[in-house]
Structures are given as C-alpha cells and as structure tokens.
Amino acid sequence: ISRDNAENTVSLQMNSLKPEDTAVYYCSAN
C-alpha cells in the first residue's frame, strides 16, 4: 500500500495473486 498526499490518492500493488484474493476491493479514508 502507498499514498500520494499531494494527489490525494492511495494505491494497492498486488503481486503473486491467488484465487482466494478474488473479492470486491474497497477504498476507505478517514
């Protein structure tokens, strides 16, 4: 996980993906 505070973004780099990673992914922020 990483974030760019200047751009107000957060990213998730996902490598070596497995079938059990299958899901709906949601971003959240306080």
mmCIF file of all heavy atoms, coordinates in Angstrom:
data_MODEL
# 
_entry.id   MODEL 
# 
loop_
_atom_site.group_PDB 
_atom_site.id 
_atom_site.type_symbol 
_atom_site.label_atom_id 
_atom_site.label_alt_id 
_atom_site.label_comp_id 
_atom_site.label_asym_id 
_atom_site.label_entity_id 
_atom_site.label_seq_id 
_atom_site.pdbx_PDB_ins_code 
_atom_site.Cartn_x 
_atom_site.Cartn_y 
_atom_site.Cartn_z 
_atom_site.occupancy 
_atom_site.B_iso_or_equiv 
_atom_site.pdbx_formal_charge 
_atom_site.auth_seq_id 
_atom_site.auth_comp_id 
_atom_site.auth_asym_id 
_atom_site.auth_atom_id 
_atom_site.pdbx_PDB_model_num 
ATOM 1   N N   . ILE A 1 1  ? 0.845   -1.183  0.000  1.00 0.00 ? 1  ILE A N   1 
ATOM 2   C CA  . ILE A 1 1  ? 0.000   0.000   0.000  1.00 0.00 ? 1  ILE A CA  1 
ATOM 3   C C   . ILE A 1 1  ? 0.887   1.242   0.000  1.00 0.00 ? 1  ILE A C   1 
ATOM 4   O O   . ILE A 1 1  ? 1.947   1.262   0.625  1.00 0.00 ? 1  ILE A O   1 
ATOM 5   C CB  . ILE A 1 1  ? -0.969  0.007   1.204  1.00 0.00 ? 1  ILE A CB  1 
ATOM 6   C CG1 . ILE A 1 1  ? -1.994  1.137   1.070  1.00 0.00 ? 1  ILE A CG1 1 
ATOM 7   C CG2 . ILE A 1 1  ? -0.211  0.092   2.521  1.00 0.00 ? 1  ILE A CG2 1 
ATOM 8   C CD1 . ILE A 1 1  ? -3.116  1.065   2.106  1.00 0.00 ? 1  ILE A CD1 1 
ATOM 9   N N   . SER A 1 2  ? 0.454   2.261   -0.711 1.00 0.00 ? 2  SER A N   1 
ATOM 10  C CA  . SER A 1 2  ? 1.189   3.515   -0.751 1.00 0.00 ? 2  SER A CA  1 
ATOM 11  C C   . SER A 1 2  ? 0.206   4.658   -0.927 1.00 0.00 ? 2  SER A C   1 
ATOM 12  O O   . SER A 1 2  ? -0.950  4.449   -1.315 1.00 0.00 ? 2  SER A O   1 
ATOM 13  C CB  . SER A 1 2  ? 2.223   3.514   -1.887 1.00 0.00 ? 2  SER A CB  1 
ATOM 14  O OG  . SER A 1 2  ? 1.601   3.352   -3.152 1.00 0.00 ? 2  SER A OG  1 
ATOM 15  N N   . ARG A 1 3  ? 0.656   5.863   -0.634 1.00 0.00 ? 3  ARG A N   1 
ATOM 16  C CA  . ARG A 1 3  ? -0.203  7.024   -0.813 1.00 0.00 ? 3  ARG A CA  1 
ATOM 17  C C   . ARG A 1 3  ? 0.603   8.199   -1.338 1.00 0.00 ? 3  ARG A C   1 
ATOM 18  O O   . ARG A 1 3  ? 1.810   8.303   -1.104 1.00 0.00 ? 3  ARG A O   1 
ATOM 19  C CB  . ARG A 1 3  ? -0.915  7.406   0.490  1.00 0.00 ? 3  ARG A CB  1 
ATOM 20  C CG  . ARG A 1 3  ? -0.003  7.867   1.614  1.00 0.00 ? 3  ARG A CG  1 
ATOM 21  C CD  . ARG A 1 3  ? -0.764  7.985   2.933  1.00 0.00 ? 3  ARG A CD  1 
ATOM 22  N NE  . ARG A 1 3  ? -1.639  9.156   2.955  1.00 0.00 ? 3  ARG A NE  1 
ATOM 23  C CZ  . ARG A 1 3  ? -2.549  9.388   3.904  1.00 0.00 ? 3  ARG A CZ  1 
ATOM 24  N NH1 . ARG A 1 3  ? -2.716  8.512   4.894  1.00 0.00 ? 3  ARG A NH1 1 
ATOM 25  N NH2 . ARG A 1 3  ? -3.294  10.483  3.858  1.00 0.00 ? 3  ARG A NH2 1 
ATOM 26  N N   . ASP A 1 4  ? -0.085  9.066   -2.056 1.00 0.00 ? 4  ASP A N   1 
ATOM 27  C CA  . ASP A 1 4  ? 0.493   10.300  -2.561 1.00 0.00 ? 4  ASP A CA  1 
ATOM 28  C C   . ASP A 1 4  ? -0.342  11.420  -1.968 1.00 0.00 ? 4  ASP A C   1 
ATOM 29  O O   . ASP A 1 4  ? -1.449  11.690  -2.431 1.00 0.00 ? 4  ASP A O   1 
ATOM 30  C CB  . ASP A 1 4  ? 0.467   10.332  -4.087 1.00 0.00 ? 4  ASP A CB  1 
ATOM 31  C CG  . ASP A 1 4  ? 1.182   11.537  -4.657 1.00 0.00 ? 4  ASP A CG  1 
ATOM 32  O OD1 . ASP A 1 4  ? 1.243   12.586  -3.992 1.00 0.00 ? 4  ASP A OD1 1 
ATOM 33  O OD2 . ASP A 1 4  ? 1.690   11.431  -5.801 1.00 0.00 ? 4  ASP A OD2 1 
ATOM 34  N N   . ASN A 1 5  ? 0.178   12.047  -0.938 1.00 0.00 ? 5  ASN A N   1 
ATOM 35  C CA  . ASN A 1 5  ? -0.594  13.065  -0.233 1.00 0.00 ? 5  ASN A CA  1 
ATOM 36  C C   . ASN A 1 5  ? -0.888  14.292  -1.096 1.00 0.00 ? 5  ASN A C   1 
ATOM 37  O O   . ASN A 1 5  ? -1.921  14.939  -0.932 1.00 0.00 ? 5  ASN A O   1 
ATOM 38  C CB  . ASN A 1 5  ? 0.138   13.479  1.039  1.00 0.00 ? 5  ASN A CB  1 
ATOM 39  C CG  . ASN A 1 5  ? 0.192   12.361  2.063  1.00 0.00 ? 5  ASN A CG  1 
ATOM 40  O OD1 . ASN A 1 5  ? -0.713  11.528  2.148  1.00 0.00 ? 5  ASN A OD1 1 
ATOM 41  N ND2 . ASN A 1 5  ? 1.261   12.331  2.853  1.00 0.00 ? 5  ASN A ND2 1 
ATOM 42  N N   . ALA A 1 6  ? 0.022   14.612  -2.010 1.00 0.00 ? 6  ALA A N   1 
ATOM 43  C CA  . ALA A 1 6  ? -0.186  15.760  -2.880 1.00 0.00 ? 6  ALA A CA  1 
ATOM 44  C C   . ALA A 1 6  ? -1.334  15.519  -3.851 1.00 0.00 ? 6  ALA A C   1 
ATOM 45  O O   . ALA A 1 6  ? -2.018  16.465  -4.260 1.00 0.00 ? 6  ALA A O   1 
ATOM 46  C CB  . ALA A 1 6  ? 1.094   16.095  -3.640 1.00 0.00 ? 6  ALA A CB  1 
ATOM 47  N N   . GLU A 1 7  ? -1.546  14.259  -4.235 1.00 0.00 ? 7  GLU A N   1 
ATOM 48  C CA  . GLU A 1 7  ? -2.585  13.923  -5.202 1.00 0.00 ? 7  GLU A CA  1 
ATOM 49  C C   . GLU A 1 7  ? -3.836  13.348  -4.552 1.00 0.00 ? 7  GLU A C   1 
ATOM 50  O O   . GLU A 1 7  ? -4.805  13.040  -5.251 1.00 0.00 ? 7  GLU A O   1 
ATOM 51  C CB  . GLU A 1 7  ? -2.050  12.927  -6.223 1.00 0.00 ? 7  GLU A CB  1 
ATOM 52  C CG  . GLU A 1 7  ? -0.878  13.449  -7.047 1.00 0.00 ? 7  GLU A CG  1 
ATOM 53  C CD  . GLU A 1 7  ? -1.266  14.591  -7.955 1.00 0.00 ? 7  GLU A CD  1 
ATOM 54  O OE1 . GLU A 1 7  ? -2.449  14.659  -8.366 1.00 0.00 ? 7  GLU A OE1 1 
ATOM 55  O OE2 . GLU A 1 7  ? -0.397  15.433  -8.262 1.00 0.00 ? 7  GLU A OE2 1 
ATOM 56  N N   . ASN A 1 8  ? -3.826  13.179  -3.238 1.00 0.00 ? 8  ASN A N   1 
ATOM 57  C CA  . ASN A 1 8  ? -4.957  12.602  -2.509 1.00 0.00 ? 8  ASN A CA  1 
ATOM 58  C C   . ASN A 1 8  ? -5.310  11.204  -3.032 1.00 0.00 ? 8  ASN A C   1 
ATOM 59  O O   . ASN A 1 8  ? -6.482  10.879  -3.236 1.00 0.00 ? 8  ASN A O   1 
ATOM 60  C CB  . ASN A 1 8  ? -6.193  13.511  -2.582 1.00 0.00 ? 8  ASN A CB  1 
ATOM 61  C CG  . ASN A 1 8  ? -6.046  14.789  -1.782 1.00 0.00 ? 8  ASN A CG  1 
ATOM 62  O OD1 . ASN A 1 8  ? -6.756  15.758  -2.023 1.00 0.00 ? 8  ASN A OD1 1 
ATOM 63  N ND2 . ASN A 1 8  ? -5.132  14.807  -0.825 1.00 0.00 ? 8  ASN A ND2 1 
ATOM 64  N N   . THR A 1 9  ? -4.287  10.398  -3.246 1.00 0.00 ? 9  THR A N   1 
ATOM 65  C CA  . THR A 1 9  ? -4.511  9.050   -3.743 1.00 0.00 ? 9  THR A CA  1 
ATOM 66  C C   . THR A 1 9  ? -3.884  8.014   -2.821 1.00 0.00 ? 9  THR A C   1 
ATOM 67  O O   . THR A 1 9  ? -2.914  8.287   -2.113 1.00 0.00 ? 9  THR A O   1 
ATOM 68  C CB  . THR A 1 9  ? -3.935  8.854   -5.148 1.00 0.00 ? 9  THR A CB  1 
ATOM 69  O OG1 . THR A 1 9  ? -2.526  9.109   -5.137 1.00 0.00 ? 9  THR A OG1 1 
ATOM 70  C CG2 . THR A 1 9  ? -4.608  9.780   -6.148 1.00 0.00 ? 9  THR A CG2 1 
ATOM 71  N N   . VAL A 1 10 ? -4.446  6.827   -2.863 1.00 0.00 ? 10 VAL A N   1 
ATOM 72  C CA  . VAL A 1 10 ? -3.873  5.668   -2.204 1.00 0.00 ? 10 VAL A CA  1 
ATOM 73  C C   . VAL A 1 10 ? -3.925  4.527   -3.205 1.00 0.00 ? 10 VAL A C   1 
ATOM 74  O O   . VAL A 1 10 ? -4.895  4.396   -3.956 1.00 0.00 ? 10 VAL A O   1 
ATOM 75  C CB  . VAL A 1 10 ? -4.613  5.313   -0.895 1.00 0.00 ? 10 VAL A CB  1 
ATOM 76  C CG1 . VAL A 1 10 ? -6.079  4.977   -1.162 1.00 0.00 ? 10 VAL A CG1 1 
ATOM 77  C CG2 . VAL A 1 10 ? -3.915  4.171   -0.171 1.00 0.00 ? 10 VAL A CG2 1 
ATOM 78  N N   . SER A 1 11 ? -2.868  3.728   -3.235 1.00 0.00 ? 11 SER A N   1 
ATOM 79  C CA  . SER A 1 11 ? -2.780  2.639   -4.190 1.00 0.00 ? 11 SER A CA  1 
ATOM 80  C C   . SER A 1 11 ? -2.486  1.331   -3.481 1.00 0.00 ? 11 SER A C   1 
ATOM 81  O O   . SER A 1 11 ? -1.983  1.312   -2.358 1.00 0.00 ? 11 SER A O   1 
ATOM 82  C CB  . SER A 1 11 ? -1.681  2.916   -5.219 1.00 0.00 ? 11 SER A CB  1 
ATOM 83  O OG  . SER A 1 11 ? -1.968  4.075   -5.976 1.00 0.00 ? 11 SER A OG  1 
ATOM 84  N N   . LEU A 1 12 ? -2.812  0.249   -4.148 1.00 0.00 ? 12 LEU A N   1 
ATOM 85  C CA  . LEU A 1 12 ? -2.513  -1.084  -3.645 1.00 0.00 ? 12 LEU A CA  1 
ATOM 86  C C   . LEU A 1 12 ? -1.923  -1.892  -4.780 1.00 0.00 ? 12 LEU A C   1 
ATOM 87  O O   . LEU A 1 12 ? -2.630  -2.241  -5.731 1.00 0.00 ? 12 LEU A O   1 
ATOM 88  C CB  . LEU A 1 12 ? -3.778  -1.770  -3.111 1.00 0.00 ? 12 LEU A CB  1 
ATOM 89  C CG  . LEU A 1 12 ? -3.565  -3.121  -2.434 1.00 0.00 ? 12 LEU A CG  1 
ATOM 90  C CD1 . LEU A 1 12 ? -2.810  -2.953  -1.117 1.00 0.00 ? 12 LEU A CD1 1 
ATOM 91  C CD2 . LEU A 1 12 ? -4.899  -3.817  -2.198 1.00 0.00 ? 12 LEU A CD2 1 
ATOM 92  N N   . GLN A 1 13 ? -0.626  -2.153  -4.698 1.00 0.00 ? 13 GLN A N   1 
ATOM 93  C CA  . GLN A 1 13 ? 0.044   -3.001  -5.666 1.00 0.00 ? 13 GLN A CA  1 
ATOM 94  C C   . GLN A 1 13 ? -0.108  -4.443  -5.208 1.00 0.00 ? 13 GLN A C   1 
ATOM 95  O O   . GLN A 1 13 ? 0.326   -4.795  -4.113 1.00 0.00 ? 13 GLN A O   1 
ATOM 96  C CB  . GLN A 1 13 ? 1.522   -2.635  -5.780 1.00 0.00 ? 13 GLN A CB  1 
ATOM 97  C CG  . GLN A 1 13 ? 2.313   -3.505  -6.750 1.00 0.00 ? 13 GLN A CG  1 
ATOM 98  C CD  . GLN A 1 13 ? 1.873   -3.333  -8.180 1.00 0.00 ? 13 GLN A CD  1 
ATOM 99  O OE1 . GLN A 1 13 ? 1.674   -2.215  -8.641 1.00 0.00 ? 13 GLN A OE1 1 
ATOM 100 N NE2 . GLN A 1 13 ? 1.711   -4.439  -8.897 1.00 0.00 ? 13 GLN A NE2 1 
ATOM 101 N N   . MET A 1 14 ? -0.713  -5.271  -6.047 1.00 0.00 ? 14 MET A N   1 
ATOM 102 C CA  . MET A 1 14 ? -0.994  -6.651  -5.702 1.00 0.00 ? 14 MET A CA  1 
ATOM 103 C C   . MET A 1 14 ? -0.206  -7.568  -6.631 1.00 0.00 ? 14 MET A C   1 
ATOM 104 O O   . MET A 1 14 ? -0.447  -7.587  -7.843 1.00 0.00 ? 14 MET A O   1 
ATOM 105 C CB  . MET A 1 14 ? -2.492  -6.947  -5.801 1.00 0.00 ? 14 MET A CB  1 
ATOM 106 C CG  . MET A 1 14 ? -3.350  -6.013  -4.964 1.00 0.00 ? 14 MET A CG  1 
ATOM 107 S SD  . MET A 1 14 ? -5.109  -6.479  -4.973 1.00 0.00 ? 14 MET A SD  1 
ATOM 108 C CE  . MET A 1 14 ? -5.495  -6.170  -6.695 1.00 0.00 ? 14 MET A CE  1 
ATOM 109 N N   . ASN A 1 15 ? 0.723   -8.306  -6.065 1.00 0.00 ? 15 ASN A N   1 
ATOM 110 C CA  . ASN A 1 15 ? 1.543   -9.243  -6.818 1.00 0.00 ? 15 ASN A CA  1 
ATOM 111 C C   . ASN A 1 15 ? 1.256   -10.673 -6.369 1.00 0.00 ? 15 ASN A C   1 
ATOM 112 O O   . ASN A 1 15 ? 0.700   -10.905 -5.305 1.00 0.00 ? 15 ASN A O   1 
ATOM 113 C CB  . ASN A 1 15 ? 3.029   -8.934  -6.633 1.00 0.00 ? 15 ASN A CB  1 
ATOM 114 C CG  . ASN A 1 15 ? 3.418   -7.564  -7.129 1.00 0.00 ? 15 ASN A CG  1 
ATOM 115 O OD1 . ASN A 1 15 ? 2.869   -7.061  -8.109 1.00 0.00 ? 15 ASN A OD1 1 
ATOM 116 N ND2 . ASN A 1 15 ? 4.400   -6.950  -6.463 1.00 0.00 ? 15 ASN A ND2 1 
ATOM 117 N N   . SER A 1 16 ? 1.683   -11.619 -7.186 1.00 0.00 ? 16 SER A N   1 
ATOM 118 C CA  . SER A 1 16 ? 1.511   -13.042 -6.877 1.00 0.00 ? 16 SER A CA  1 
ATOM 119 C C   . SER A 1 16 ? 0.083   -13.352 -6.459 1.00 0.00 ? 16 SER A C   1 
ATOM 120 O O   . SER A 1 16 ? -0.167  -14.015 -5.447 1.00 0.00 ? 16 SER A O   1 
ATOM 121 C CB  . SER A 1 16 ? 2.499   -13.461 -5.778 1.00 0.00 ? 16 SER A CB  1 
ATOM 122 O OG  . SER A 1 16 ? 3.833   -13.221 -6.173 1.00 0.00 ? 16 SER A OG  1 
ATOM 123 N N   . LEU A 1 17 ? -0.855  -12.878 -7.241 1.00 0.00 ? 17 LEU A N   1 
ATOM 124 C CA  . LEU A 1 17 ? -2.265  -13.017 -6.889 1.00 0.00 ? 17 LEU A CA  1 
ATOM 125 C C   . LEU A 1 17 ? -2.712  -14.469 -6.886 1.00 0.00 ? 17 LEU A C   1 
ATOM 126 O O   . LEU A 1 17 ? -2.260  -15.281 -7.699 1.00 0.00 ? 17 LEU A O   1 
ATOM 127 C CB  . LEU A 1 17 ? -3.123  -12.199 -7.841 1.00 0.00 ? 17 LEU A CB  1 
ATOM 128 C CG  . LEU A 1 17 ? -3.105  -10.695 -7.556 1.00 0.00 ? 17 LEU A CG  1 
ATOM 129 C CD1 . LEU A 1 17 ? -3.576  -9.906  -8.766 1.00 0.00 ? 17 LEU A CD1 1 
ATOM 130 C CD2 . LEU A 1 17 ? -3.980  -10.383 -6.340 1.00 0.00 ? 17 LEU A CD2 1 
ATOM 131 N N   . LYS A 1 18 ? -3.600  -14.770 -5.957 1.00 0.00 ? 18 LYS A N   1 
ATOM 132 C CA  . LYS A 1 18 ? -4.142  -16.103 -5.769 1.00 0.00 ? 18 LYS A CA  1 
ATOM 133 C C   . LYS A 1 18 ? -5.654  -16.069 -5.957 1.00 0.00 ? 18 LYS A C   1 
ATOM 134 O O   . LYS A 1 18 ? -6.280  -15.028 -5.767 1.00 0.00 ? 18 LYS A O   1 
ATOM 135 C CB  . LYS A 1 18 ? -3.822  -16.612 -4.361 1.00 0.00 ? 18 LYS A CB  1 
ATOM 136 C CG  . LYS A 1 18 ? -2.347  -16.611 -4.006 1.00 0.00 ? 18 LYS A CG  1 
ATOM 137 C CD  . LYS A 1 18 ? -2.146  -16.997 -2.553 1.00 0.00 ? 18 LYS A CD  1 
ATOM 138 C CE  . LYS A 1 18 ? -0.677  -16.995 -2.175 1.00 0.00 ? 18 LYS A CE  1 
ATOM 139 N NZ  . LYS A 1 18 ? -0.487  -17.355 -0.746 1.00 0.00 ? 18 LYS A NZ  1 
ATOM 140 N N   . PRO A 1 19 ? -6.258  -17.203 -6.300 1.00 0.00 ? 19 PRO A N   1 
ATOM 141 C CA  . PRO A 1 19 ? -7.717  -17.226 -6.436 1.00 0.00 ? 19 PRO A CA  1 
ATOM 142 C C   . PRO A 1 19 ? -8.439  -16.734 -5.181 1.00 0.00 ? 19 PRO A C   1 
ATOM 143 O O   . PRO A 1 19 ? -9.497  -16.105 -5.301 1.00 0.00 ? 19 PRO A O   1 
ATOM 144 C CB  . PRO A 1 19 ? -8.019  -18.703 -6.709 1.00 0.00 ? 19 PRO A CB  1 
ATOM 145 C CG  . PRO A 1 19 ? -6.804  -19.191 -7.417 1.00 0.00 ? 19 PRO A CG  1 
ATOM 146 C CD  . PRO A 1 19 ? -5.655  -18.483 -6.742 1.00 0.00 ? 19 PRO A CD  1 
ATOM 147 N N   . GLU A 1 20 ? -7.883  -16.985 -4.012 1.00 0.00 ? 20 GLU A N   1 
ATOM 148 C CA  . GLU A 1 20 ? -8.512  -16.548 -2.778 1.00 0.00 ? 20 GLU A CA  1 
ATOM 149 C C   . GLU A 1 20 ? -8.459  -15.038 -2.574 1.00 0.00 ? 20 GLU A C   1 
ATOM 150 O O   . GLU A 1 20 ? -9.075  -14.518 -1.640 1.00 0.00 ? 20 GLU A O   1 
ATOM 151 C CB  . GLU A 1 20 ? -7.914  -17.260 -1.561 1.00 0.00 ? 20 GLU A CB  1 
ATOM 152 C CG  . GLU A 1 20 ? -6.401  -17.235 -1.508 1.00 0.00 ? 20 GLU A CG  1 
ATOM 153 C CD  . GLU A 1 20 ? -5.773  -18.507 -2.058 1.00 0.00 ? 20 GLU A CD  1 
ATOM 154 O OE1 . GLU A 1 20 ? -6.192  -18.962 -3.133 1.00 0.00 ? 20 GLU A OE1 1 
ATOM 155 O OE2 . GLU A 1 20 ? -4.858  -19.046 -1.397 1.00 0.00 ? 20 GLU A OE2 1 
ATOM 156 N N   . ASP A 1 21 ? -7.729  -14.324 -3.433 1.00 0.00 ? 21 ASP A N   1 
ATOM 157 C CA  . ASP A 1 21 ? -7.736  -12.865 -3.400 1.00 0.00 ? 21 ASP A CA  1 
ATOM 158 C C   . ASP A 1 21 ? -8.958  -12.284 -4.114 1.00 0.00 ? 21 ASP A C   1 
ATOM 159 O O   . ASP A 1 21 ? -9.181  -11.073 -4.059 1.00 0.00 ? 21 ASP A O   1 
ATOM 160 C CB  . ASP A 1 21 ? -6.472  -12.295 -4.049 1.00 0.00 ? 21 ASP A CB  1 
ATOM 161 C CG  . ASP A 1 21 ? -5.216  -12.636 -3.265 1.00 0.00 ? 21 ASP A CG  1 
ATOM 162 O OD1 . ASP A 1 21 ? -5.250  -12.573 -2.024 1.00 0.00 ? 21 ASP A OD1 1 
ATOM 163 O OD2 . ASP A 1 21 ? -4.193  -12.959 -3.911 1.00 0.00 ? 21 ASP A OD2 1 
ATOM 164 N N   . THR A 1 22 ? -9.716  -13.122 -4.791 1.00 0.00 ? 22 THR A N   1 
ATOM 165 C CA  . THR A 1 22 ? -10.896 -12.662 -5.511 1.00 0.00 ? 22 THR A CA  1 
ATOM 166 C C   . THR A 1 22 ? -11.896 -12.036 -4.551 1.00 0.00 ? 22 THR A C   1 
ATOM 167 O O   . THR A 1 22 ? -12.308 -12.659 -3.573 1.00 0.00 ? 22 THR A O   1 
ATOM 168 C CB  . THR A 1 22 ? -11.553 -13.820 -6.266 1.00 0.00 ? 22 THR A CB  1 
ATOM 169 O OG1 . THR A 1 22 ? -10.656 -14.304 -7.270 1.00 0.00 ? 22 THR A OG1 1 
ATOM 170 C CG2 . THR A 1 22 ? -12.852 -13.376 -6.931 1.00 0.00 ? 22 THR A CG2 1 
ATOM 171 N N   . ALA A 1 23 ? -12.280 -10.806 -4.827 1.00 0.00 ? 23 ALA A N   1 
ATOM 172 C CA  . ALA A 1 23 ? -13.189 -10.069 -3.956 1.00 0.00 ? 23 ALA A CA  1 
ATOM 173 C C   . ALA A 1 23 ? -13.474 -8.708  -4.573 1.00 0.00 ? 23 ALA A C   1 
ATOM 174 O O   . ALA A 1 23 ? -12.830 -8.302  -5.542 1.00 0.00 ? 23 ALA A O   1 
ATOM 175 C CB  . ALA A 1 23 ? -12.574 -9.882  -2.565 1.00 0.00 ? 23 ALA A CB  1 
ATOM 176 N N   . VAL A 1 24 ? -14.434 -8.018  -3.985 1.00 0.00 ? 24 VAL A N   1 
ATOM 177 C CA  . VAL A 1 24 ? -14.611 -6.607  -4.269 1.00 0.00 ? 24 VAL A CA  1 
ATOM 178 C C   . VAL A 1 24 ? -13.720 -5.843  -3.305 1.00 0.00 ? 24 VAL A C   1 
ATOM 179 O O   . VAL A 1 24 ? -13.786 -6.054  -2.091 1.00 0.00 ? 24 VAL A O   1 
ATOM 180 C CB  . VAL A 1 24 ? -16.071 -6.156  -4.118 1.00 0.00 ? 24 VAL A CB  1 
ATOM 181 C CG1 . VAL A 1 24 ? -16.196 -4.658  -4.352 1.00 0.00 ? 24 VAL A CG1 1 
ATOM 182 C CG2 . VAL A 1 24 ? -16.962 -6.923  -5.092 1.00 0.00 ? 24 VAL A CG2 1 
ATOM 183 N N   . TYR A 1 25 ? -12.885 -4.978  -3.841 1.00 0.00 ? 25 TYR A N   1 
ATOM 184 C CA  . TYR A 1 25 ? -11.949 -4.209  -3.035 1.00 0.00 ? 25 TYR A CA  1 
ATOM 185 C C   . TYR A 1 25 ? -12.471 -2.786  -2.867 1.00 0.00 ? 25 TYR A C   1 
ATOM 186 O O   . TYR A 1 25 ? -12.845 -2.126  -3.838 1.00 0.00 ? 25 TYR A O   1 
ATOM 187 C CB  . TYR A 1 25 ? -10.570 -4.187  -3.690 1.00 0.00 ? 25 TYR A CB  1 
ATOM 188 C CG  . TYR A 1 25 ? -9.816  -5.481  -3.515 1.00 0.00 ? 25 TYR A CG  1 
ATOM 189 C CD1 . TYR A 1 25 ? -10.236 -6.637  -4.166 1.00 0.00 ? 25 TYR A CD1 1 
ATOM 190 C CD2 . TYR A 1 25 ? -8.698  -5.552  -2.683 1.00 0.00 ? 25 TYR A CD2 1 
ATOM 191 C CE1 . TYR A 1 25 ? -9.571  -7.833  -3.989 1.00 0.00 ? 25 TYR A CE1 1 
ATOM 192 C CE2 . TYR A 1 25 ? -8.025  -6.746  -2.513 1.00 0.00 ? 25 TYR A CE2 1 
ATOM 193 C CZ  . TYR A 1 25 ? -8.460  -7.885  -3.162 1.00 0.00 ? 25 TYR A CZ  1 
ATOM 194 O OH  . TYR A 1 25 ? -7.784  -9.067  -2.983 1.00 0.00 ? 25 TYR A OH  1 
ATOM 195 N N   . TYR A 1 26 ? -12.477 -2.317  -1.624 1.00 0.00 ? 26 TYR A N   1 
ATOM 196 C CA  . TYR A 1 26 ? -12.998 -1.006  -1.290 1.00 0.00 ? 26 TYR A CA  1 
ATOM 197 C C   . TYR A 1 26 ? -11.909 -0.117  -0.708 1.00 0.00 ? 26 TYR A C   1 
ATOM 198 O O   . TYR A 1 26 ? -11.136 -0.549  0.147  1.00 0.00 ? 26 TYR A O   1 
ATOM 199 C CB  . TYR A 1 26 ? -14.124 -1.111  -0.257 1.00 0.00 ? 26 TYR A CB  1 
ATOM 200 C CG  . TYR A 1 26 ? -15.341 -1.864  -0.728 1.00 0.00 ? 26 TYR A CG  1 
ATOM 201 C CD1 . TYR A 1 26 ? -15.446 -3.239  -0.550 1.00 0.00 ? 26 TYR A CD1 1 
ATOM 202 C CD2 . TYR A 1 26 ? -16.392 -1.197  -1.345 1.00 0.00 ? 26 TYR A CD2 1 
ATOM 203 C CE1 . TYR A 1 26 ? -16.559 -3.937  -0.974 1.00 0.00 ? 26 TYR A CE1 1 
ATOM 204 C CE2 . TYR A 1 26 ? -17.517 -1.881  -1.773 1.00 0.00 ? 26 TYR A CE2 1 
ATOM 205 C CZ  . TYR A 1 26 ? -17.593 -3.255  -1.581 1.00 0.00 ? 26 TYR A CZ  1 
ATOM 206 O OH  . TYR A 1 26 ? -18.708 -3.939  -2.001 1.00 0.00 ? 26 TYR A OH  1 
ATOM 207 N N   . CYS A 1 27 ? -11.891 1.106   -1.152 1.00 0.00 ? 27 CYS A N   1 
ATOM 208 C CA  . CYS A 1 27 ? -11.022 2.119   -0.587 1.00 0.00 ? 27 CYS A CA  1 
ATOM 209 C C   . CYS A 1 27 ? -11.743 2.819   0.553  1.00 0.00 ? 27 CYS A C   1 
ATOM 210 O O   . CYS A 1 27 ? -12.951 3.074   0.471  1.00 0.00 ? 27 CYS A O   1 
ATOM 211 C CB  . CYS A 1 27 ? -10.642 3.127   -1.675 1.00 0.00 ? 27 CYS A CB  1 
ATOM 212 S SG  . CYS A 1 27 ? -9.687  4.547   -1.118 1.00 0.00 ? 27 CYS A SG  1 
ATOM 213 N N   . SER A 1 28 ? -11.029 3.128   1.613  1.00 0.00 ? 28 SER A N   1 
ATOM 214 C CA  . SER A 1 28 ? -11.600 3.833   2.743  1.00 0.00 ? 28 SER A CA  1 
ATOM 215 C C   . SER A 1 28 ? -10.633 4.907   3.223  1.00 0.00 ? 28 SER A C   1 
ATOM 216 O O   . SER A 1 28 ? -9.418  4.742   3.123  1.00 0.00 ? 28 SER A O   1 
ATOM 217 C CB  . SER A 1 28 ? -11.900 2.856   3.883  1.00 0.00 ? 28 SER A CB  1 
ATOM 218 O OG  . SER A 1 28 ? -12.488 3.520   4.985  1.00 0.00 ? 28 SER A OG  1 
ATOM 219 N N   . ALA A 1 29 ? -11.194 5.990   3.735  1.00 0.00 ? 29 ALA A N   1 
ATOM 220 C CA  . ALA A 1 29 ? -10.357 7.068   4.247  1.00 0.00 ? 29 ALA A CA  1 
ATOM 221 C C   . ALA A 1 29 ? -11.058 7.780   5.383  1.00 0.00 ? 29 ALA A C   1 
ATOM 222 O O   . ALA A 1 29 ? -12.270 8.005   5.341  1.00 0.00 ? 29 ALA A O   1 
ATOM 223 C CB  . ALA A 1 29 ? -10.013 8.063   3.145  1.00 0.00 ? 29 ALA A CB  1 
ATOM 224 N N   . ASN A 1 30 ? -10.295 8.114   6.399  1.00 0.00 ? 30 ASN A N   1 
ATOM 225 C CA  . ASN A 1 30 ? -10.767 8.976   7.474  1.00 0.00 ? 30 ASN A CA  1 
ATOM 226 C C   . ASN A 1 30 ? -10.334 10.385  7.119  1.00 0.00 ? 30 ASN A C   1 
ATOM 227 O O   . ASN A 1 30 ? -9.144  10.648  6.973  1.00 0.00 ? 30 ASN A O   1 
ATOM 228 C CB  . ASN A 1 30 ? -10.179 8.528   8.809  1.00 0.00 ? 30 ASN A CB  1 
ATOM 229 C CG  . ASN A 1 30 ? -10.639 9.393   9.957  1.00 0.00 ? 30 ASN A CG  1 
ATOM 230 O OD1 . ASN A 1 30 ? -9.969  10.351  10.330 1.00 0.00 ? 30 ASN A OD1 1 
ATOM 231 N ND2 . ASN A 1 30 ? -11.789 9.065   10.528 1.00 0.00 ? 30 ASN A ND2 1 
# 
